[in-house]
Each structure stands twice: as structure tokens, then as C-alpha cells.
């Protein structure tokens, strides 16, 4: 990797992280019942699924192909969310363009297509991702049918974006490309956090409820344990 290519990659990574930090810490819409929506999009999506992998790539990016994959998948989920919204968000296209440029400049781009398939992990990933996709469909339906403040403030699509990105992160972690621990950590922490909030606030809009929240936490713990066990046995690259 040439010196200038490396500099360009790091500059874009910092710019990308700053954009999402601004999203995470900009003033949030207030109002009763919006906690889960704000946390899902601003902190779990913007910070865990986008800012964290962007910043981690500033050091030894050649070992973290999975971090770049996570960024591309998450901004794709964000773009798909804007497509179901009743307004056009040009920023979403710009973010995809930045992510694509970062992927092209990435020092480990050749590693992004090398996976370590495991049937048990695939089954576990599907068990976590499929309910999330059902949740995405439900949130997308509310974008067009709900006249409440949640729809006006764009919260339904925000939660749909988060859930779609989370499902993609889970599938990505199960493929165990180099740096798999990054999407694994992001997905498990996001699942546990949202599950815990759903248990604490079962009646809030977009809550998974106590039963599904508890099941999500148990699944996340089991998924990470299985990832570590399978990767340790097969000596998958981290």
C-alpha cells in the first residue's frame, strides 16, 4: 500500500467517523416514548456499527477487513432506510460513496472475500437475523401508516435501519472474515443493549418486549461464545 493511498484511507476514515459522531451527539428529538428510537439510531447504529469500526481501522487496518465490510453493509442499510422514507436524503448517497472509496483504498480489500464458513454459526446467525428482518418489515410498514410523532420525526425508519444493519452485522460476523471480532462485538453489544432496554421499557414504541428482549440477550451471549469456540478450534484469522 502506497504512502499516499494510506493517508487518503485514514483521512476518509476520520471524516466518516466525525460525520457519524455528529449524528450520535447532535440534539435529539424529545418526547415521551422516543428513548428506544433515539438509542437505536444515534448510539447503537451510529456509534457501535459505524463510528467504532471506522476508528478501529486507523490502526493496523490490514488486519480488519471485517470492519470495512461492516461499514459498507451499515451504510447500505441506511440508504435502504431513506428509500422507504417519505423524503429524499442526499446525504445517504454521499455516505455510501465515502464507504465505497474507503473500501477501494483499504489495505486488506483482497481479504474481504475470504470467509470461514461454519454451518453451526450460520444456523445461529439465521436464528438472530430472521426475527430482526421481521422487525424491519414491521417498522417499515409504520413509516407509511402511522400518523404519530414517531413517523413525523423519522423514528420508524431509524429503527428499521438499525435492525437491518444489526441483522447484516450478525451474518457478517458468522462468516469470520479477518477482523471478525469487530462485527461480532458490535452486533452482540447492540443486541444486548436493545434487549435490555426492551425489558426495562416493554411498552415503548419499537420495544421487543420482555420475552423477546430476554431471548435476544441470551442469543447474543450464545452467539459470541459459539464464535469464540469455533474460531479457536479452527484457528480462524482474527
C-alpha atoms as a PDB file:
ATOM      1  CA  UNK A   1       0.000   0.000   0.000  1.00  0.00           C
ATOM      2  CA  UNK A   2       1.468   3.335  -1.072  1.00  0.00           C
ATOM      3  CA  UNK A   3       2.015   6.103   1.456  1.00  0.00           C
ATOM      4  CA  UNK A   4      -0.498   8.445  -0.193  1.00  0.00           C
ATOM      5  CA  UNK A   5      -3.092   5.719  -0.502  1.00  0.00           C
ATOM      6  CA  UNK A   6      -2.731   5.023   3.209  1.00  0.00           C
ATOM      7  CA  UNK A   7      -3.070   8.703   4.056  1.00  0.00           C
ATOM      8  CA  UNK A   8      -6.187   9.032   1.892  1.00  0.00           C
ATOM      9  CA  UNK A   9      -7.740   5.992   3.577  1.00  0.00           C
ATOM     10  CA  UNK A  10      -7.113   7.359   7.061  1.00  0.00           C
ATOM     11  CA  UNK A  11      -8.418  10.820   6.159  1.00  0.00           C
ATOM     12  CA  UNK A  12     -11.650   9.325   4.829  1.00  0.00           C
ATOM     13  CA  UNK A  13     -11.966   7.091   7.894  1.00  0.00           C
ATOM     14  CA  UNK A  14     -11.648  10.090  10.224  1.00  0.00           C
ATOM     15  CA  UNK A  15     -14.105  12.133   8.141  1.00  0.00           C
ATOM     16  CA  UNK A  16     -16.570   9.255   8.139  1.00  0.00           C
ATOM     17  CA  UNK A  17     -16.267   8.788  11.909  1.00  0.00           C
ATOM     18  CA  UNK A  18     -16.762  12.521  12.544  1.00  0.00           C
ATOM     19  CA  UNK A  19     -19.909  12.573  10.420  1.00  0.00           C
ATOM     20  CA  UNK A  20     -21.448   9.787  12.479  1.00  0.00           C
ATOM     21  CA  UNK A  21     -20.241  11.238  15.767  1.00  0.00           C
ATOM     22  CA  UNK A  22     -22.134  14.376  14.797  1.00  0.00           C
ATOM     23  CA  UNK A  23     -25.249  12.259  14.220  1.00  0.00           C
ATOM     24  CA  UNK A  24     -24.822  10.493  17.551  1.00  0.00           C
ATOM     25  CA  UNK A  25     -24.358  13.607  19.655  1.00  0.00           C
ATOM     26  CA  UNK A  26     -26.490  16.155  17.828  1.00  0.00           C
ATOM     27  CA  UNK A  27     -29.644  17.306  19.565  1.00  0.00           C
ATOM     28  CA  UNK A  28     -32.193  14.507  19.695  1.00  0.00           C
ATOM     29  CA  UNK A  29     -35.926  14.971  19.330  1.00  0.00           C
ATOM     30  CA  UNK A  30     -37.533  14.872  22.750  1.00  0.00           C
ATOM     31  CA  UNK A  31     -40.828  13.457  23.852  1.00  0.00           C
ATOM     32  CA  UNK A  32     -42.220  10.586  25.843  1.00  0.00           C
ATOM     33  CA  UNK A  33     -41.740   7.161  24.310  1.00  0.00           C
ATOM     34  CA  UNK A  34     -38.854   8.047  21.992  1.00  0.00           C
ATOM     35  CA  UNK A  35     -35.991   6.595  24.050  1.00  0.00           C
ATOM     36  CA  UNK A  36     -35.628   3.339  22.145  1.00  0.00           C
ATOM     37  CA  UNK A  37     -35.679   5.090  18.770  1.00  0.00           C
ATOM     38  CA  UNK A  38     -33.021   7.605  19.793  1.00  0.00           C
ATOM     39  CA  UNK A  39     -30.764   4.986  21.376  1.00  0.00           C
ATOM     40  CA  UNK A  40     -31.151   2.584  18.444  1.00  0.00           C
ATOM     41  CA  UNK A  41     -30.170   5.034  15.728  1.00  0.00           C
ATOM     42  CA  UNK A  42     -27.870   7.521  17.416  1.00  0.00           C
ATOM     43  CA  UNK A  43     -25.882   5.291  19.723  1.00  0.00           C
ATOM     44  CA  UNK A  44     -26.191   1.664  18.667  1.00  0.00           C
ATOM     45  CA  UNK A  45     -26.243   2.292  14.905  1.00  0.00           C
ATOM     46  CA  UNK A  46     -24.193   5.482  14.566  1.00  0.00           C
ATOM     47  CA  UNK A  47     -21.615   4.714  17.267  1.00  0.00           C
ATOM     48  CA  UNK A  48     -21.331   0.929  17.512  1.00  0.00           C
ATOM     49  CA  UNK A  49     -21.978  -0.109  13.915  1.00  0.00           C
ATOM     50  CA  UNK A  50     -20.307   2.808  12.097  1.00  0.00           C
ATOM     51  CA  UNK A  51     -18.082   5.080  14.190  1.00  0.00           C
ATOM     52  CA  UNK A  52     -16.358   2.280  16.115  1.00  0.00           C
ATOM     53  CA  UNK A  53     -15.243   0.249  13.066  1.00  0.00           C
ATOM     54  CA  UNK A  54     -14.145   3.422  11.262  1.00  0.00           C
ATOM     55  CA  UNK A  55     -11.894   4.471  14.149  1.00  0.00           C
ATOM     56  CA  UNK A  56     -10.535   0.950  14.711  1.00  0.00           C
ATOM     57  CA  UNK A  57      -9.268   0.944  11.132  1.00  0.00           C
ATOM     58  CA  UNK A  58      -6.870   3.771  11.879  1.00  0.00           C
ATOM     59  CA  UNK A  59      -4.565   1.173  13.434  1.00  0.00           C
ATOM     60  CA  UNK A  60      -3.478  -1.986  11.590  1.00  0.00           C
ATOM     61  CA  UNK A  61      -6.326  -1.797   9.086  1.00  0.00           C
ATOM     62  CA  UNK A  62      -4.781  -4.676   7.127  1.00  0.00           C
ATOM     63  CA  UNK A  63      -5.971  -6.993   9.918  1.00  0.00           C
ATOM     64  CA  UNK A  64      -9.517  -5.638   9.969  1.00  0.00           C
ATOM     65  CA  UNK A  65     -11.229  -6.372   6.656  1.00  0.00           C
ATOM     66  CA  UNK A  66     -14.431  -7.179   8.552  1.00  0.00           C
ATOM     67  CA  UNK A  67     -14.561  -3.627   9.935  1.00  0.00           C
ATOM     68  CA  UNK A  68     -14.704  -2.243   6.402  1.00  0.00           C
ATOM     69  CA  UNK A  69     -17.340  -4.800   5.441  1.00  0.00           C
ATOM     70  CA  UNK A  70     -19.437  -3.745   8.427  1.00  0.00           C
ATOM     71  CA  UNK A  71     -19.265  -0.098   7.372  1.00  0.00           C
ATOM     72  CA  UNK A  72     -20.346  -0.882   3.807  1.00  0.00           C
ATOM     73  CA  UNK A  73     -23.256  -3.027   4.997  1.00  0.00           C
ATOM     74  CA  UNK A  74     -24.390  -0.473   7.578  1.00  0.00           C
ATOM     75  CA  UNK A  75     -24.410   2.475   5.158  1.00  0.00           C
ATOM     76  CA  UNK A  76     -26.277   0.271   2.673  1.00  0.00           C
ATOM     77  CA  UNK A  77     -28.898  -0.339   5.353  1.00  0.00           C
ATOM     78  CA  UNK A  78     -29.030   3.419   5.953  1.00  0.00           C
ATOM     79  CA  UNK A  79     -29.570   4.056   2.240  1.00  0.00           C
ATOM     80  CA  UNK A  80     -32.360   1.471   2.100  1.00  0.00           C
ATOM     81  CA  UNK A  81     -33.986   3.201   5.059  1.00  0.00           C
ATOM     82  CA  UNK A  82     -34.063   6.514   3.212  1.00  0.00           C
ATOM     83  CA  UNK A  83     -35.761   4.782   0.274  1.00  0.00           C
ATOM     84  CA  UNK A  84     -38.799   3.884   2.413  1.00  0.00           C
ATOM     85  CA  UNK A  85     -38.974   7.367   3.950  1.00  0.00           C
ATOM     86  CA  UNK A  86     -41.347   9.992   2.509  1.00  0.00           C
ATOM     87  CA  UNK A  87     -38.415  12.326   1.804  1.00  0.00           C
ATOM     88  CA  UNK A  88     -35.110  12.197  -0.071  1.00  0.00           C
ATOM     89  CA  UNK A  89     -31.866  12.231   1.915  1.00  0.00           C
ATOM     90  CA  UNK A  90     -28.944  13.081  -0.401  1.00  0.00           C
ATOM     91  CA  UNK A  91     -26.500  12.556   2.487  1.00  0.00           C
ATOM     92  CA  UNK A  92     -27.198   8.819   2.387  1.00  0.00           C
ATOM     93  CA  UNK A  93     -25.791   8.600  -1.134  1.00  0.00           C
ATOM     94  CA  UNK A  94     -22.728  10.604  -0.100  1.00  0.00           C
ATOM     95  CA  UNK A  95     -22.082   8.263   2.819  1.00  0.00           C
ATOM     96  CA  UNK A  96     -22.252   5.246   0.518  1.00  0.00           C
ATOM     97  CA  UNK A  97     -19.783   6.958  -1.836  1.00  0.00           C
ATOM     98  CA  UNK A  98     -17.353   7.582   1.044  1.00  0.00           C
ATOM     99  CA  UNK A  99     -17.669   3.966   2.219  1.00  0.00           C
ATOM    100  CA  UNK A 100     -17.014   2.648  -1.295  1.00  0.00           C
ATOM    101  CA  UNK A 101     -13.942   4.875  -1.602  1.00  0.00           C
ATOM    102  CA  UNK A 102     -12.698   3.632   1.768  1.00  0.00           C
ATOM    103  CA  UNK A 103     -13.196   0.015   0.681  1.00  0.00           C
ATOM    104  CA  UNK A 104     -11.257   0.657  -2.533  1.00  0.00           C
ATOM    105  CA  UNK A 105      -8.388   2.228  -0.584  1.00  0.00           C
ATOM    106  CA  UNK A 106      -8.440  -0.385   2.190  1.00  0.00           C
ATOM    107  CA  UNK A 107      -5.124  -2.213   2.619  1.00  0.00           C
ATOM    108  CA  UNK A 108      -6.904  -5.555   3.113  1.00  0.00           C
ATOM    109  CA  UNK A 109      -9.500  -5.310   0.350  1.00  0.00           C
ATOM    110  CA  UNK A 110      -8.384  -8.688  -1.046  1.00  0.00           C
ATOM    111  CA  UNK A 111      -9.283 -10.257   2.323  1.00  0.00           C
ATOM    112  CA  UNK A 112     -12.898  -9.105   2.144  1.00  0.00           C
ATOM    113  CA  UNK A 113     -13.950 -12.060   0.009  1.00  0.00           C
ATOM    114  CA  UNK A 114     -12.218 -14.728   2.099  1.00  0.00           C
ATOM    115  CA  UNK A 115     -14.626 -16.298   4.557  1.00  0.00           C
ATOM    116  CA  UNK A 116     -14.578 -19.212   7.007  1.00  0.00           C
ATOM    117  CA  UNK A 117     -17.955 -20.906   6.621  1.00  0.00           C
ATOM    118  CA  UNK A 118     -19.381 -22.832   9.556  1.00  0.00           C
ATOM    119  CA  UNK A 119     -22.805 -24.484   9.429  1.00  0.00           C
ATOM    120  CA  UNK A 120     -23.499 -24.160  13.191  1.00  0.00           C
ATOM    121  CA  UNK A 121     -22.596 -20.468  13.110  1.00  0.00           C
ATOM    122  CA  UNK A 122     -24.747 -19.939  10.021  1.00  0.00           C
ATOM    123  CA  UNK A 123     -27.721 -21.519  11.778  1.00  0.00           C
ATOM    124  CA  UNK A 124     -27.136 -19.393  14.883  1.00  0.00           C
ATOM    125  CA  UNK A 125     -26.786 -16.259  12.763  1.00  0.00           C
ATOM    126  CA  UNK A 126     -30.034 -17.043  10.949  1.00  0.00           C
ATOM    127  CA  UNK A 127     -31.791 -17.521  14.305  1.00  0.00           C
ATOM    128  CA  UNK A 128     -30.779 -13.984  15.247  1.00  0.00           C
ATOM    129  CA  UNK A 129     -31.128 -12.275  11.877  1.00  0.00           C
ATOM    130  CA  UNK A 130     -34.513 -13.617  10.725  1.00  0.00           C
ATOM    131  CA  UNK A 131     -36.547 -12.140  13.634  1.00  0.00           C
ATOM    132  CA  UNK A 132     -34.750  -8.846  13.039  1.00  0.00           C
ATOM    133  CA  UNK A 133     -35.806  -8.847   9.385  1.00  0.00           C
ATOM    134  CA  UNK A 134     -39.406  -9.348  10.507  1.00  0.00           C
ATOM    135  CA  UNK A 135     -38.960  -6.376  12.831  1.00  0.00           C
ATOM    136  CA  UNK A 136     -37.576  -4.318   9.920  1.00  0.00           C
ATOM    137  CA  UNK A 137     -40.667  -5.078   7.830  1.00  0.00           C
ATOM    138  CA  UNK A 138     -42.951  -4.066  10.711  1.00  0.00           C
ATOM    139  CA  UNK A 139     -41.111  -0.758  11.263  1.00  0.00           C
ATOM    140  CA  UNK A 140     -41.121  -0.028   7.512  1.00  0.00           C
ATOM    141  CA  UNK A 141     -44.888  -0.556   7.408  1.00  0.00           C
ATOM    142  CA  UNK A 142     -45.363   2.032  10.163  1.00  0.00           C
ATOM    143  CA  UNK A 143     -43.433   4.635   8.137  1.00  0.00           C
ATOM    144  CA  UNK A 144     -46.406   4.925   5.766  1.00  0.00           C
ATOM    145  CA  UNK A 145     -49.317   4.072   8.052  1.00  0.00           C
ATOM    146  CA  UNK A 146     -48.638   5.770  11.399  1.00  0.00           C
ATOM    147  CA  UNK A 147     -49.516   9.480  11.720  1.00  0.00           C
ATOM    148  CA  UNK A 148     -47.915   9.910  15.164  1.00  0.00           C
ATOM    149  CA  UNK A 149     -44.836  11.943  16.114  1.00  0.00           C
ATOM    150  CA  UNK A 150     -42.699   8.836  15.642  1.00  0.00           C
ATOM    151  CA  UNK A 151     -43.419   8.963  11.919  1.00  0.00           C
ATOM    152  CA  UNK A 152     -43.062  12.745  11.699  1.00  0.00           C
ATOM    153  CA  UNK A 153     -39.609  12.608  13.315  1.00  0.00           C
ATOM    154  CA  UNK A 154     -38.483   9.699  11.145  1.00  0.00           C
ATOM    155  CA  UNK A 155     -38.153   7.297  14.054  1.00  0.00           C
ATOM    156  CA  UNK A 156     -39.733   4.275  12.394  1.00  0.00           C
ATOM    157  CA  UNK A 157     -37.213   4.293   9.560  1.00  0.00           C
ATOM    158  CA  UNK A 158     -34.416   4.959  12.048  1.00  0.00           C
ATOM    159  CA  UNK A 159     -35.305   1.794  13.947  1.00  0.00           C
ATOM    160  CA  UNK A 160     -35.704  -0.152  10.701  1.00  0.00           C
ATOM    161  CA  UNK A 161     -32.224   0.969   9.608  1.00  0.00           C
ATOM    162  CA  UNK A 162     -30.732  -0.094  12.943  1.00  0.00           C
ATOM    163  CA  UNK A 163     -32.384  -3.518  12.861  1.00  0.00           C
ATOM    164  CA  UNK A 164     -31.389  -4.163   9.239  1.00  0.00           C
ATOM    165  CA  UNK A 165     -27.783  -3.138   9.902  1.00  0.00           C
ATOM    166  CA  UNK A 166     -27.753  -5.334  13.002  1.00  0.00           C
ATOM    167  CA  UNK A 167     -29.005  -8.350  11.036  1.00  0.00           C
ATOM    168  CA  UNK A 168     -26.304  -7.786   8.404  1.00  0.00           C
ATOM    169  CA  UNK A 169     -23.633  -7.431  11.117  1.00  0.00           C
ATOM    170  CA  UNK A 170     -24.692 -10.754  12.613  1.00  0.00           C
ATOM    171  CA  UNK A 171     -24.440 -12.525   9.267  1.00  0.00           C
ATOM    172  CA  UNK A 172     -21.077 -10.868   8.612  1.00  0.00           C
ATOM    173  CA  UNK A 173     -19.681 -11.978  11.976  1.00  0.00           C
ATOM    174  CA  UNK A 174     -20.686 -15.579  11.245  1.00  0.00           C
ATOM    175  CA  UNK A 175     -18.608 -15.538   8.024  1.00  0.00           C
ATOM    176  CA  UNK A 176     -15.474 -14.755  10.066  1.00  0.00           C
ATOM    177  CA  UNK A 177     -13.501 -12.686   7.622  1.00  0.00           C
ATOM    178  CA  UNK A 178     -10.311 -11.250   9.076  1.00  0.00           C
ATOM    179  CA  UNK A 179     -11.203  -8.980  11.969  1.00  0.00           C
ATOM    180  CA  UNK A 180     -14.480 -10.868  12.596  1.00  0.00           C
ATOM    181  CA  UNK A 181     -14.380  -9.851  16.256  1.00  0.00           C
ATOM    182  CA  UNK A 182     -15.335  -6.280  15.292  1.00  0.00           C
ATOM    183  CA  UNK A 183     -18.803  -7.037  13.811  1.00  0.00           C
ATOM    184  CA  UNK A 184     -19.217  -9.751  16.460  1.00  0.00           C
ATOM    185  CA  UNK A 185     -18.599  -7.286  19.297  1.00  0.00           C
ATOM    186  CA  UNK A 186     -20.731  -4.557  17.695  1.00  0.00           C
ATOM    187  CA  UNK A 187     -23.648  -6.888  16.963  1.00  0.00           C
ATOM    188  CA  UNK A 188     -23.629  -8.585  20.363  1.00  0.00           C
ATOM    189  CA  UNK A 189     -23.344  -5.322  22.321  1.00  0.00           C
ATOM    190  CA  UNK A 190     -26.106  -3.698  20.250  1.00  0.00           C
ATOM    191  CA  UNK A 191     -28.378  -6.723  20.707  1.00  0.00           C
ATOM    192  CA  UNK A 192     -27.775  -6.881  24.459  1.00  0.00           C
ATOM    193  CA  UNK A 193     -28.289  -3.129  24.878  1.00  0.00           C
ATOM    194  CA  UNK A 194     -31.530  -3.025  22.879  1.00  0.00           C
ATOM    195  CA  UNK A 195     -32.757  -6.209  24.535  1.00  0.00           C
ATOM    196  CA  UNK A 196     -32.103  -4.757  27.996  1.00  0.00           C
ATOM    197  CA  UNK A 197     -33.886  -1.507  27.109  1.00  0.00           C
ATOM    198  CA  UNK A 198     -36.818  -3.514  25.768  1.00  0.00           C
ATOM    199  CA  UNK A 199     -37.056  -5.352  29.089  1.00  0.00           C
ATOM    200  CA  UNK A 200     -36.947  -2.078  31.020  1.00  0.00           C
ATOM    201  CA  UNK A 201     -39.385  -0.304  28.660  1.00  0.00           C
ATOM    202  CA  UNK A 202     -41.684  -3.050  27.320  1.00  0.00           C
ATOM    203  CA  UNK A 203     -44.492  -0.633  26.439  1.00  0.00           C
ATOM    204  CA  UNK A 204     -42.424   1.863  24.460  1.00  0.00           C
ATOM    205  CA  UNK A 205     -42.735   2.111  20.697  1.00  0.00           C
ATOM    206  CA  UNK A 206     -40.454  -0.384  18.897  1.00  0.00           C
ATOM    207  CA  UNK A 207     -39.693  -2.303  22.092  1.00  0.00           C
ATOM    208  CA  UNK A 208     -39.022  -6.018  21.662  1.00  0.00           C
ATOM    209  CA  UNK A 209     -40.845  -6.605  24.924  1.00  0.00           C
ATOM    210  CA  UNK A 210     -39.627  -8.528  27.956  1.00  0.00           C
ATOM    211  CA  UNK A 211     -39.748 -12.011  26.443  1.00  0.00           C
ATOM    212  CA  UNK A 212     -38.064 -11.149  23.142  1.00  0.00           C
ATOM    213  CA  UNK A 213     -35.633  -8.803  24.888  1.00  0.00           C
ATOM    214  CA  UNK A 214     -34.524 -11.579  27.222  1.00  0.00           C
ATOM    215  CA  UNK A 215     -34.289 -14.049  24.338  1.00  0.00           C
ATOM    216  CA  UNK A 216     -32.164 -11.560  22.372  1.00  0.00           C
ATOM    217  CA  UNK A 217     -29.703 -11.180  25.254  1.00  0.00           C
ATOM    218  CA  UNK A 218     -29.417 -14.962  25.681  1.00  0.00           C
ATOM    219  CA  UNK A 219     -28.912 -15.391  21.927  1.00  0.00           C
ATOM    220  CA  UNK A 220     -26.173 -12.724  21.810  1.00  0.00           C
ATOM    221  CA  UNK A 221     -24.223 -14.373  24.626  1.00  0.00           C
ATOM    222  CA  UNK A 222     -24.555 -17.780  22.976  1.00  0.00           C
ATOM    223  CA  UNK A 223     -23.569 -16.431  19.556  1.00  0.00           C
ATOM    224  CA  UNK A 224     -20.368 -14.844  20.838  1.00  0.00           C
ATOM    225  CA  UNK A 225     -19.489 -17.984  22.785  1.00  0.00           C
ATOM    226  CA  UNK A 226     -20.016 -20.109  19.670  1.00  0.00           C
ATOM    227  CA  UNK A 227     -17.917 -17.737  17.566  1.00  0.00           C
ATOM    228  CA  UNK A 228     -15.027 -17.907  20.004  1.00  0.00           C
ATOM    229  CA  UNK A 229     -15.301 -21.693  20.341  1.00  0.00           C
ATOM    230  CA  UNK A 230     -15.468 -22.416  16.598  1.00  0.00           C
ATOM    231  CA  UNK A 231     -12.761 -19.900  15.732  1.00  0.00           C
ATOM    232  CA  UNK A 232     -10.479 -21.269  18.445  1.00  0.00           C
ATOM    233  CA  UNK A 233     -10.860 -24.807  17.155  1.00  0.00           C
ATOM    234  CA  UNK A 234     -10.290 -23.913  13.532  1.00  0.00           C
ATOM    235  CA  UNK A 235      -7.708 -21.184  14.154  1.00  0.00           C
ATOM    236  CA  UNK A 236      -9.665 -18.663  12.063  1.00  0.00           C
ATOM    237  CA  UNK A 237      -7.796 -15.397  11.449  1.00  0.00           C
ATOM    238  CA  UNK A 238      -8.759 -12.571  13.778  1.00  0.00           C
END
